[in-house]
Each structure stands twice: as C-alpha cells, then as structure tokens.
C-alpha cells in the first residue's frame, strides 16, 4: 500500500480499510487470548 498517493479516492479507500481492519482486530484480540492461542 502506498501511503503517499496523490489519488484522493485511493487515500479514502485506504483510510476506510484501516478503520475496518482496526475494528476487526479489536474484536478478535480478546478471543485469541481467551482460547489460548497466545499467552500474555
């Protein structure tokens, strides 16, 4: 992914993707520890 693109449409789509990715990660992370895939 190019963080310095001059295409505004691309930058908007990347921002939306990053927000969705962060939301998904926030939902998955507690379950990873709960089910014992990783230990804190």
C-alpha atoms as a PDB file:
ATOM      1  CA  UNK A   1       0.000   0.000   0.000  1.00  0.00           C
ATOM      2  CA  UNK A   2       1.311   3.370  -0.960  1.00  0.00           C
ATOM      3  CA  UNK A   3       0.949   5.773   2.000  1.00  0.00           C
ATOM      4  CA  UNK A   4       1.891   8.815  -0.111  1.00  0.00           C
ATOM      5  CA  UNK A   5      -0.536   8.508  -3.029  1.00  0.00           C
ATOM      6  CA  UNK A   6      -1.803  11.662  -4.723  1.00  0.00           C
ATOM      7  CA  UNK A   7      -5.071   9.904  -5.643  1.00  0.00           C
ATOM      8  CA  UNK A   8      -7.725  11.124  -3.176  1.00  0.00           C
ATOM      9  CA  UNK A   9     -10.049   8.209  -3.925  1.00  0.00           C
ATOM     10  CA  UNK A  10      -7.301   5.741  -3.092  1.00  0.00           C
ATOM     11  CA  UNK A  11      -6.480   7.549   0.141  1.00  0.00           C
ATOM     12  CA  UNK A  12     -10.138   7.481   1.207  1.00  0.00           C
ATOM     13  CA  UNK A  13     -10.452   3.752   0.481  1.00  0.00           C
ATOM     14  CA  UNK A  14      -7.236   3.005   2.378  1.00  0.00           C
ATOM     15  CA  UNK A  15      -8.472   5.018   5.378  1.00  0.00           C
ATOM     16  CA  UNK A  16     -11.764   3.085   5.385  1.00  0.00           C
ATOM     17  CA  UNK A  17      -9.856  -0.197   5.096  1.00  0.00           C
ATOM     18  CA  UNK A  18      -7.563   0.695   8.005  1.00  0.00           C
ATOM     19  CA  UNK A  19     -10.542   1.613  10.200  1.00  0.00           C
ATOM     20  CA  UNK A  20     -12.303  -1.658   9.393  1.00  0.00           C
ATOM     21  CA  UNK A  21      -9.086  -3.627   9.974  1.00  0.00           C
ATOM     22  CA  UNK A  22      -8.602  -1.988  13.389  1.00  0.00           C
ATOM     23  CA  UNK A  23     -12.212  -2.727  14.360  1.00  0.00           C
ATOM     24  CA  UNK A  24     -11.823  -6.370  13.356  1.00  0.00           C
ATOM     25  CA  UNK A  25      -8.550  -6.665  15.270  1.00  0.00           C
ATOM     26  CA  UNK A  26     -10.220  -5.215  18.374  1.00  0.00           C
ATOM     27  CA  UNK A  27     -12.908  -7.916  18.168  1.00  0.00           C
ATOM     28  CA  UNK A  28     -10.510 -10.784  17.548  1.00  0.00           C
ATOM     29  CA  UNK A  29      -7.728  -9.954  20.012  1.00  0.00           C
ATOM     30  CA  UNK A  30      -9.587 -10.846  23.247  1.00  0.00           C
ATOM     31  CA  UNK A  31     -10.691 -14.167  21.738  1.00  0.00           C
ATOM     32  CA  UNK A  32      -7.111 -15.081  20.828  1.00  0.00           C
ATOM     33  CA  UNK A  33      -6.103 -14.891  24.471  1.00  0.00           C
ATOM     34  CA  UNK A  34      -9.354 -16.422  25.760  1.00  0.00           C
ATOM     35  CA  UNK A  35      -8.961 -19.538  23.621  1.00  0.00           C
ATOM     36  CA  UNK A  36      -5.258 -19.863  24.445  1.00  0.00           C
ATOM     37  CA  UNK A  37      -3.721 -19.221  21.030  1.00  0.00           C
ATOM     38  CA  UNK A  38      -1.368 -16.702  22.641  1.00  0.00           C
ATOM     39  CA  UNK A  39      -0.397 -16.076  26.228  1.00  0.00           C
ATOM     40  CA  UNK A  40       0.033 -12.616  27.726  1.00  0.00           C
END
